[in-house]
Each structure stands twice: as structure tokens, then as C-alpha cells.
Amino acid sequence: MKQIEIVTYEEKYHDDFKRLGYEWLEKYVTVEPEDIKILNSPKEIILDTGGCIFFAKYQNEIVGTVSLIKVDETTYELAKLAVTEKYKGLKLGNLLMETAIQQAKEQYATKIILYTDQKLATALVLYQKFGFQEIPMINNKYIDSDLMMELSI
């Protein structure tokens, strides 16, 4: 098996970011106005405000992504975690989570939050595996989200 490479956002990956985001959203939840805003303007919404976007590249194809959106000086929101259906089972979600958590630590964050839906059992298992715990919902910007989680780092 060829090596999986983690790369950071470049403009040439914008279509991949949108493709992966829409593929995941359309399969599991609803495409919401906030999602459309983020997927169409990742540079302005994520990168220019101090966040980052990572991609998993496998056999020269972008097959997964994760974003960290800066909330404040010590907090990031984990968002837009998606792996294309064709490559499920390669543990790309784990690799992307590890990369995002390491990046947050390097930025001296003390916590990572995320918004999710209780019906997403596989995602919840992944989040819990990495130490995320349910917290009371605040500042929810997603219609479908009914659960907020936090990881102290």
C-alpha cells in the first residue's frame, strides 16, 4: 500500500475541499447555510482568521479533510472532517484527527470543540476515542447539531 500524505490547504485543493464536504454532508446530515459559507470561502472563514485545513492524500488523490476554525486565542473548532467513501477503512479519520490535535497543541490551544449529531455513531466513537467529552451546547451555528463536545489539551 502506498503512503498516505497529509498536506495543508492550497487554492488548488479548494474543489477537493468542497467535494469532500458536500459528499459527507449530503450522505449523513443536511447541507446548511453555514456549511455552504465555509465550503465556498475556506480562505476567508478558516485560514484568514487563524485556522487551518488539512488533507489526506492517497495515490495522488485527495481523499479526506479536516479543519480547525479558530474560536479565540486558546480554542479551536474541529470542523469539516470527511473521508471519501471509497477509502473508508484506511484509518484516515484517525490520521486527520491526530494531525488536527497536534496542530492545535502547536498553536498553544487549551481546548478543541466540535458540534455533531447524536445519530452519527461512527463519528462519536472516533471523537470519544480521542478524548472528546460531551459538554452543554453553546453558540451552536449548525441546525442539525444536537451535541457539543470538547477536548482539553
N, C-alpha and C. Protein backbone atom coordinates (compact mmCIF):
# COMPACT_ATOMS: atom_id res chain seq x y z
N MET A 1 0.85 -1.19 0.00
CA MET A 1 0.00 0.00 0.00
C MET A 1 0.89 1.24 0.00
N LYS A 2 0.52 2.20 -0.81
CA LYS A 2 1.27 3.45 -0.89
C LYS A 2 1.05 4.29 0.35
N GLN A 3 1.97 5.18 0.58
CA GLN A 3 1.95 6.04 1.75
C GLN A 3 0.81 7.07 1.67
N ILE A 4 0.24 7.35 2.82
CA ILE A 4 -0.75 8.42 2.93
C ILE A 4 0.00 9.67 3.35
N GLU A 5 -0.24 10.75 2.66
CA GLU A 5 0.44 12.01 2.93
C GLU A 5 -0.58 13.03 3.46
N ILE A 6 -0.19 13.79 4.46
CA ILE A 6 -1.04 14.87 4.95
C ILE A 6 -0.48 16.18 4.39
N VAL A 7 -1.34 16.93 3.72
CA VAL A 7 -0.93 18.20 3.13
C VAL A 7 -1.85 19.31 3.63
N THR A 8 -1.33 20.53 3.60
CA THR A 8 -2.14 21.68 4.04
C THR A 8 -2.83 22.32 2.84
N TYR A 9 -3.81 23.13 3.16
CA TYR A 9 -4.64 23.77 2.13
C TYR A 9 -3.79 24.62 1.19
N GLU A 10 -4.07 24.45 -0.07
CA GLU A 10 -3.61 25.34 -1.12
C GLU A 10 -4.83 25.57 -2.00
N GLU A 11 -4.84 26.69 -2.71
CA GLU A 11 -6.00 27.02 -3.54
C GLU A 11 -6.35 25.89 -4.52
N LYS A 12 -5.34 25.16 -4.98
CA LYS A 12 -5.60 24.07 -5.93
C LYS A 12 -6.44 22.94 -5.32
N TYR A 13 -6.57 22.91 -3.97
CA TYR A 13 -7.36 21.89 -3.29
C TYR A 13 -8.78 22.36 -2.95
N HIS A 14 -9.13 23.58 -3.36
CA HIS A 14 -10.45 24.10 -3.00
C HIS A 14 -11.59 23.21 -3.50
N ASP A 15 -11.51 22.76 -4.74
CA ASP A 15 -12.57 21.90 -5.27
C ASP A 15 -12.65 20.57 -4.50
N ASP A 16 -11.50 20.05 -4.05
CA ASP A 16 -11.48 18.83 -3.25
C ASP A 16 -12.15 19.07 -1.90
N PHE A 17 -11.88 20.22 -1.31
CA PHE A 17 -12.49 20.59 -0.02
C PHE A 17 -14.02 20.61 -0.15
N LYS A 18 -14.49 21.25 -1.20
CA LYS A 18 -15.94 21.32 -1.45
C LYS A 18 -16.51 19.93 -1.73
N ARG A 19 -15.84 19.16 -2.58
CA ARG A 19 -16.32 17.82 -2.95
C ARG A 19 -16.46 16.93 -1.72
N LEU A 20 -15.43 16.90 -0.90
CA LEU A 20 -15.45 16.05 0.30
C LEU A 20 -16.52 16.53 1.28
N GLY A 21 -16.61 17.84 1.47
CA GLY A 21 -17.60 18.39 2.40
C GLY A 21 -19.02 18.08 1.96
N TYR A 22 -19.32 18.35 0.70
CA TYR A 22 -20.67 18.09 0.21
C TYR A 22 -20.99 16.60 0.20
N GLU A 23 -20.02 15.77 -0.18
CA GLU A 23 -20.25 14.32 -0.19
C GLU A 23 -20.66 13.84 1.20
N TRP A 24 -19.93 14.28 2.21
CA TRP A 24 -20.21 13.85 3.58
C TRP A 24 -21.56 14.41 4.07
N LEU A 25 -21.75 15.71 3.88
CA LEU A 25 -22.98 16.34 4.36
C LEU A 25 -24.23 15.72 3.71
N GLU A 26 -24.19 15.54 2.41
CA GLU A 26 -25.36 15.01 1.70
C GLU A 26 -25.66 13.57 2.10
N LYS A 27 -24.65 12.82 2.50
CA LYS A 27 -24.87 11.44 2.91
C LYS A 27 -25.41 11.33 4.33
N TYR A 28 -24.90 12.18 5.25
CA TYR A 28 -25.19 11.99 6.67
C TYR A 28 -26.11 13.00 7.32
N VAL A 29 -26.11 14.24 6.87
CA VAL A 29 -26.94 15.27 7.51
C VAL A 29 -27.55 16.16 6.43
N THR A 30 -27.65 17.43 6.70
CA THR A 30 -28.22 18.39 5.76
C THR A 30 -27.16 19.42 5.42
N VAL A 31 -27.13 19.86 4.18
CA VAL A 31 -26.25 20.96 3.81
C VAL A 31 -26.93 22.24 4.29
N GLU A 32 -26.28 22.92 5.22
CA GLU A 32 -26.84 24.10 5.86
C GLU A 32 -26.17 25.38 5.34
N PRO A 33 -26.79 26.53 5.56
CA PRO A 33 -26.16 27.79 5.13
C PRO A 33 -24.74 27.99 5.65
N GLU A 34 -24.49 27.62 6.91
CA GLU A 34 -23.14 27.77 7.48
C GLU A 34 -22.15 26.87 6.75
N ASP A 35 -22.57 25.67 6.38
CA ASP A 35 -21.70 24.76 5.63
C ASP A 35 -21.35 25.35 4.27
N ILE A 36 -22.34 25.87 3.58
CA ILE A 36 -22.12 26.45 2.26
C ILE A 36 -21.13 27.60 2.34
N LYS A 37 -21.29 28.43 3.36
CA LYS A 37 -20.39 29.56 3.58
C LYS A 37 -18.95 29.08 3.77
N ILE A 38 -18.76 28.09 4.62
CA ILE A 38 -17.41 27.57 4.91
C ILE A 38 -16.82 26.89 3.67
N LEU A 39 -17.60 26.05 3.01
CA LEU A 39 -17.09 25.30 1.86
C LEU A 39 -16.76 26.20 0.67
N ASN A 40 -17.50 27.28 0.51
CA ASN A 40 -17.25 28.19 -0.61
C ASN A 40 -16.15 29.20 -0.32
N SER A 41 -15.91 29.51 0.94
CA SER A 41 -14.93 30.54 1.30
C SER A 41 -14.00 30.09 2.41
N PRO A 42 -13.30 28.96 2.24
CA PRO A 42 -12.45 28.47 3.33
C PRO A 42 -11.30 29.42 3.67
N LYS A 43 -10.78 30.11 2.68
CA LYS A 43 -9.67 31.02 2.96
C LYS A 43 -10.13 32.13 3.90
N GLU A 44 -11.25 32.74 3.59
CA GLU A 44 -11.75 33.86 4.41
C GLU A 44 -12.26 33.39 5.77
N ILE A 45 -13.01 32.29 5.79
CA ILE A 45 -13.67 31.83 7.02
C ILE A 45 -12.71 31.10 7.95
N ILE A 46 -11.80 30.29 7.40
CA ILE A 46 -10.93 29.45 8.22
C ILE A 46 -9.50 29.99 8.28
N LEU A 47 -8.87 30.10 7.12
CA LEU A 47 -7.44 30.41 7.09
C LEU A 47 -7.11 31.84 7.51
N ASP A 48 -7.83 32.82 6.99
CA ASP A 48 -7.52 34.22 7.30
C ASP A 48 -7.80 34.59 8.75
N THR A 49 -8.53 33.75 9.46
CA THR A 49 -8.85 34.04 10.86
C THR A 49 -8.00 33.20 11.82
N GLY A 50 -6.96 32.53 11.30
CA GLY A 50 -6.04 31.81 12.16
C GLY A 50 -6.25 30.31 12.23
N GLY A 51 -7.12 29.78 11.39
CA GLY A 51 -7.36 28.34 11.38
C GLY A 51 -6.52 27.64 10.33
N CYS A 52 -6.80 26.36 10.12
CA CYS A 52 -6.05 25.60 9.13
C CYS A 52 -6.92 24.47 8.57
N ILE A 53 -6.51 23.99 7.43
CA ILE A 53 -7.20 22.89 6.75
C ILE A 53 -6.14 21.88 6.32
N PHE A 54 -6.41 20.62 6.62
CA PHE A 54 -5.50 19.54 6.24
C PHE A 54 -6.23 18.57 5.31
N PHE A 55 -5.45 17.92 4.47
CA PHE A 55 -5.98 16.91 3.55
C PHE A 55 -5.17 15.63 3.66
N ALA A 56 -5.85 14.51 3.50
CA ALA A 56 -5.18 13.22 3.36
C ALA A 56 -5.09 12.94 1.86
N LYS A 57 -3.87 12.68 1.42
CA LYS A 57 -3.61 12.41 0.00
C LYS A 57 -3.15 10.97 -0.12
N TYR A 58 -3.83 10.21 -0.96
CA TYR A 58 -3.53 8.79 -1.14
C TYR A 58 -3.52 8.49 -2.63
N GLN A 59 -2.44 7.93 -3.12
CA GLN A 59 -2.28 7.63 -4.55
C GLN A 59 -2.57 8.86 -5.40
N ASN A 60 -2.00 9.99 -5.00
CA ASN A 60 -2.14 11.28 -5.69
C ASN A 60 -3.57 11.81 -5.74
N GLU A 61 -4.43 11.33 -4.87
CA GLU A 61 -5.81 11.79 -4.83
C GLU A 61 -6.11 12.32 -3.42
N ILE A 62 -6.80 13.45 -3.35
CA ILE A 62 -7.23 13.99 -2.06
C ILE A 62 -8.46 13.19 -1.64
N VAL A 63 -8.34 12.48 -0.50
CA VAL A 63 -9.39 11.54 -0.09
C VAL A 63 -9.99 11.85 1.29
N GLY A 64 -9.46 12.86 1.98
CA GLY A 64 -10.00 13.22 3.28
C GLY A 64 -9.58 14.62 3.66
N THR A 65 -10.32 15.20 4.61
CA THR A 65 -10.01 16.56 5.06
C THR A 65 -10.47 16.77 6.49
N VAL A 66 -9.87 17.75 7.13
CA VAL A 66 -10.30 18.22 8.45
C VAL A 66 -9.87 19.68 8.57
N SER A 67 -10.66 20.45 9.32
CA SER A 67 -10.36 21.86 9.53
C SER A 67 -10.35 22.20 11.00
N LEU A 68 -9.55 23.19 11.33
CA LEU A 68 -9.59 23.81 12.64
C LEU A 68 -9.95 25.27 12.43
N ILE A 69 -11.07 25.67 13.01
CA ILE A 69 -11.51 27.06 12.93
C ILE A 69 -11.18 27.73 14.26
N LYS A 70 -10.44 28.82 14.20
CA LYS A 70 -10.04 29.50 15.43
C LYS A 70 -11.25 30.20 16.04
N VAL A 71 -11.53 29.87 17.30
CA VAL A 71 -12.64 30.47 18.03
C VAL A 71 -12.13 31.66 18.84
N ASP A 72 -11.03 31.44 19.56
CA ASP A 72 -10.37 32.50 20.32
C ASP A 72 -8.91 32.09 20.51
N GLU A 73 -8.18 32.79 21.34
CA GLU A 73 -6.74 32.54 21.47
C GLU A 73 -6.39 31.15 21.97
N THR A 74 -7.32 30.47 22.65
CA THR A 74 -7.00 29.16 23.22
C THR A 74 -7.93 28.04 22.75
N THR A 75 -8.85 28.37 21.84
CA THR A 75 -9.87 27.40 21.42
C THR A 75 -9.97 27.31 19.90
N TYR A 76 -10.07 26.08 19.42
CA TYR A 76 -10.34 25.82 18.00
C TYR A 76 -11.58 24.94 17.91
N GLU A 77 -12.29 25.10 16.81
CA GLU A 77 -13.41 24.22 16.50
C GLU A 77 -12.94 23.23 15.44
N LEU A 78 -13.09 21.95 15.71
CA LEU A 78 -12.83 20.91 14.73
C LEU A 78 -14.04 20.87 13.80
N ALA A 79 -13.81 20.98 12.50
CA ALA A 79 -14.94 21.04 11.56
C ALA A 79 -14.56 20.39 10.23
N LYS A 80 -15.58 20.05 9.48
CA LYS A 80 -15.45 19.53 8.12
C LYS A 80 -14.54 18.32 8.02
N LEU A 81 -14.63 17.43 9.01
CA LEU A 81 -13.91 16.16 8.95
C LEU A 81 -14.68 15.25 7.99
N ALA A 82 -14.01 14.82 6.93
CA ALA A 82 -14.67 13.98 5.93
C ALA A 82 -13.64 13.09 5.25
N VAL A 83 -14.03 11.86 4.99
CA VAL A 83 -13.23 10.92 4.22
C VAL A 83 -14.14 10.35 3.13
N THR A 84 -13.64 10.35 1.91
CA THR A 84 -14.45 9.85 0.81
C THR A 84 -14.78 8.37 1.03
N GLU A 85 -15.95 8.00 0.64
CA GLU A 85 -16.48 6.64 0.87
C GLU A 85 -15.54 5.56 0.36
N LYS A 86 -14.93 5.79 -0.79
CA LYS A 86 -14.07 4.81 -1.45
C LYS A 86 -12.89 4.37 -0.57
N TYR A 87 -12.46 5.24 0.33
CA TYR A 87 -11.26 4.96 1.13
C TYR A 87 -11.54 4.80 2.62
N LYS A 88 -12.78 4.54 2.97
CA LYS A 88 -13.09 4.23 4.37
C LYS A 88 -12.35 2.94 4.72
N GLY A 89 -11.89 2.84 5.94
CA GLY A 89 -11.18 1.64 6.36
C GLY A 89 -9.67 1.79 6.37
N LEU A 90 -9.16 2.88 5.82
CA LEU A 90 -7.72 3.13 5.84
C LEU A 90 -7.29 3.90 7.09
N LYS A 91 -8.22 4.14 8.00
CA LYS A 91 -7.95 4.87 9.25
C LYS A 91 -7.56 6.33 8.99
N LEU A 92 -8.08 6.89 7.90
CA LEU A 92 -7.77 8.27 7.56
C LEU A 92 -8.37 9.25 8.57
N GLY A 93 -9.54 8.92 9.10
CA GLY A 93 -10.14 9.76 10.13
C GLY A 93 -9.24 9.88 11.34
N ASN A 94 -8.64 8.78 11.74
CA ASN A 94 -7.69 8.79 12.86
C ASN A 94 -6.50 9.69 12.55
N LEU A 95 -5.94 9.53 11.38
CA LEU A 95 -4.77 10.31 10.98
C LEU A 95 -5.10 11.81 10.92
N LEU A 96 -6.25 12.14 10.38
CA LEU A 96 -6.65 13.54 10.31
C LEU A 96 -6.91 14.12 11.70
N MET A 97 -7.52 13.33 12.58
CA MET A 97 -7.74 13.78 13.96
C MET A 97 -6.41 14.02 14.66
N GLU A 98 -5.48 13.09 14.54
CA GLU A 98 -4.17 13.25 15.17
C GLU A 98 -3.48 14.52 14.67
N THR A 99 -3.57 14.77 13.37
CA THR A 99 -2.94 15.94 12.77
C THR A 99 -3.57 17.22 13.32
N ALA A 100 -4.89 17.27 13.38
CA ALA A 100 -5.58 18.46 13.88
C ALA A 100 -5.26 18.72 15.35
N ILE A 101 -5.26 17.68 16.15
CA ILE A 101 -4.97 17.84 17.58
C ILE A 101 -3.53 18.32 17.77
N GLN A 102 -2.60 17.75 17.03
CA GLN A 102 -1.20 18.17 17.13
C GLN A 102 -1.05 19.63 16.72
N GLN A 103 -1.73 20.04 15.67
CA GLN A 103 -1.67 21.43 15.21
C GLN A 103 -2.22 22.37 16.28
N ALA A 104 -3.32 22.01 16.90
CA ALA A 104 -3.90 22.85 17.96
C ALA A 104 -2.92 22.99 19.12
N LYS A 105 -2.25 21.89 19.47
CA LYS A 105 -1.25 21.94 20.55
C LYS A 105 -0.11 22.88 20.16
N GLU A 106 0.32 22.81 18.92
CA GLU A 106 1.42 23.67 18.45
C GLU A 106 1.02 25.14 18.46
N GLN A 107 -0.27 25.41 18.38
CA GLN A 107 -0.77 26.78 18.42
C GLN A 107 -1.11 27.21 19.86
N TYR A 108 -0.73 26.38 20.83
CA TYR A 108 -0.94 26.64 22.26
C TYR A 108 -2.41 26.72 22.64
N ALA A 109 -3.23 25.99 21.92
CA ALA A 109 -4.65 25.91 22.28
C ALA A 109 -4.77 25.07 23.56
N THR A 110 -5.81 25.34 24.32
CA THR A 110 -6.07 24.54 25.51
C THR A 110 -7.28 23.64 25.32
N LYS A 111 -8.07 23.91 24.27
CA LYS A 111 -9.20 23.03 24.01
C LYS A 111 -9.62 23.09 22.54
N ILE A 112 -10.25 22.00 22.14
CA ILE A 112 -10.86 21.90 20.82
C ILE A 112 -12.32 21.54 21.06
N ILE A 113 -13.21 22.25 20.40
CA ILE A 113 -14.63 21.94 20.49
C ILE A 113 -15.11 21.41 19.14
N LEU A 114 -16.26 20.77 19.14
CA LEU A 114 -16.89 20.37 17.90
C LEU A 114 -18.39 20.27 18.11
N TYR A 115 -19.11 20.40 17.03
CA TYR A 115 -20.56 20.25 17.03
C TYR A 115 -20.88 19.04 16.17
N THR A 116 -21.77 18.19 16.64
CA THR A 116 -22.10 16.98 15.89
C THR A 116 -23.56 16.60 16.15
N ASP A 117 -23.93 15.45 15.67
CA ASP A 117 -25.29 14.94 15.79
C ASP A 117 -25.23 13.57 16.45
N GLN A 118 -26.08 13.32 17.41
CA GLN A 118 -26.06 12.04 18.13
C GLN A 118 -26.28 10.83 17.24
N LYS A 119 -26.91 11.03 16.09
CA LYS A 119 -27.16 9.90 15.20
C LYS A 119 -25.90 9.45 14.44
N LEU A 120 -24.82 10.20 14.53
CA LEU A 120 -23.59 9.87 13.82
C LEU A 120 -22.70 8.99 14.70
N ALA A 121 -23.13 7.75 14.87
CA ALA A 121 -22.48 6.84 15.82
C ALA A 121 -21.00 6.62 15.53
N THR A 122 -20.63 6.45 14.27
CA THR A 122 -19.23 6.21 13.93
C THR A 122 -18.37 7.42 14.29
N ALA A 123 -18.86 8.60 13.99
CA ALA A 123 -18.13 9.83 14.33
C ALA A 123 -17.99 9.97 15.83
N LEU A 124 -19.05 9.69 16.57
CA LEU A 124 -19.00 9.80 18.03
C LEU A 124 -17.95 8.86 18.62
N VAL A 125 -17.86 7.65 18.10
CA VAL A 125 -16.85 6.70 18.57
C VAL A 125 -15.45 7.28 18.32
N LEU A 126 -15.24 7.85 17.16
CA LEU A 126 -13.94 8.44 16.83
C LEU A 126 -13.62 9.58 17.79
N TYR A 127 -14.57 10.48 18.00
CA TYR A 127 -14.34 11.62 18.89
C TYR A 127 -14.03 11.15 20.32
N GLN A 128 -14.79 10.19 20.79
CA GLN A 128 -14.57 9.67 22.14
C GLN A 128 -13.22 8.97 22.24
N LYS A 129 -12.82 8.29 21.20
CA LYS A 129 -11.52 7.62 21.18
C LYS A 129 -10.38 8.61 21.41
N PHE A 130 -10.55 9.83 20.89
CA PHE A 130 -9.53 10.86 21.04
C PHE A 130 -9.72 11.71 22.29
N GLY A 131 -10.70 11.37 23.12
CA GLY A 131 -10.86 12.03 24.40
C GLY A 131 -11.89 13.15 24.45
N PHE A 132 -12.62 13.36 23.38
CA PHE A 132 -13.67 14.38 23.40
C PHE A 132 -14.79 13.94 24.34
N GLN A 133 -15.33 14.90 25.08
CA GLN A 133 -16.42 14.61 26.00
C GLN A 133 -17.57 15.58 25.75
N GLU A 134 -18.77 15.10 25.96
CA GLU A 134 -19.96 15.93 25.77
C GLU A 134 -19.97 17.07 26.78
N ILE A 135 -20.34 18.26 26.30
CA ILE A 135 -20.50 19.43 27.16
C ILE A 135 -21.82 20.10 26.80
N PRO A 136 -22.33 21.01 27.64
CA PRO A 136 -23.56 21.71 27.30
C PRO A 136 -23.39 22.51 26.00
N MET A 137 -24.42 22.50 25.19
CA MET A 137 -24.41 23.19 23.90
C MET A 137 -24.42 24.70 24.10
N ILE A 138 -23.46 25.39 23.46
CA ILE A 138 -23.45 26.86 23.43
C ILE A 138 -23.06 27.31 22.03
N ASN A 139 -23.53 28.46 21.63
CA ASN A 139 -23.16 29.08 20.35
C ASN A 139 -23.26 28.14 19.16
N ASN A 140 -24.30 27.33 19.12
CA ASN A 140 -24.45 26.38 18.02
C ASN A 140 -24.80 27.11 16.74
N LYS A 141 -23.97 26.95 15.73
CA LYS A 141 -24.21 27.61 14.45
C LYS A 141 -24.72 26.65 13.38
N TYR A 142 -24.96 25.38 13.78
CA TYR A 142 -25.42 24.37 12.82
C TYR A 142 -26.80 23.87 13.21
N ILE A 143 -27.72 23.85 12.28
CA ILE A 143 -29.10 23.44 12.52
C ILE A 143 -29.18 21.97 12.97
N ASP A 144 -28.43 21.09 12.30
CA ASP A 144 -28.51 19.65 12.59
C ASP A 144 -27.79 19.21 13.86
N SER A 145 -26.91 20.05 14.37
CA SER A 145 -26.13 19.64 15.54
C SER A 145 -26.98 19.65 16.79
N ASP A 146 -26.90 18.53 17.53
CA ASP A 146 -27.61 18.45 18.81
C ASP A 146 -26.67 18.04 19.93
N LEU A 147 -25.37 18.08 19.63
CA LEU A 147 -24.37 17.65 20.61
C LEU A 147 -23.10 18.47 20.43
N MET A 148 -22.57 18.94 21.54
CA MET A 148 -21.30 19.66 21.53
C MET A 148 -20.31 18.87 22.36
N MET A 149 -19.09 18.78 21.85
CA MET A 149 -18.05 18.02 22.56
C MET A 149 -16.80 18.90 22.68
N GLU A 150 -15.97 18.54 23.66
CA GLU A 150 -14.75 19.30 23.93
C GLU A 150 -13.61 18.36 24.28
N LEU A 151 -12.44 18.73 23.82
CA LEU A 151 -11.20 18.03 24.20
C LEU A 151 -10.29 19.04 24.87
N SER A 152 -9.91 18.78 26.11
CA SER A 152 -8.92 19.62 26.79
C SER A 152 -7.55 19.11 26.40
N ILE A 153 -6.69 20.05 25.99
CA ILE A 153 -5.33 19.65 25.56
C ILE A 153 -4.27 20.45 26.32
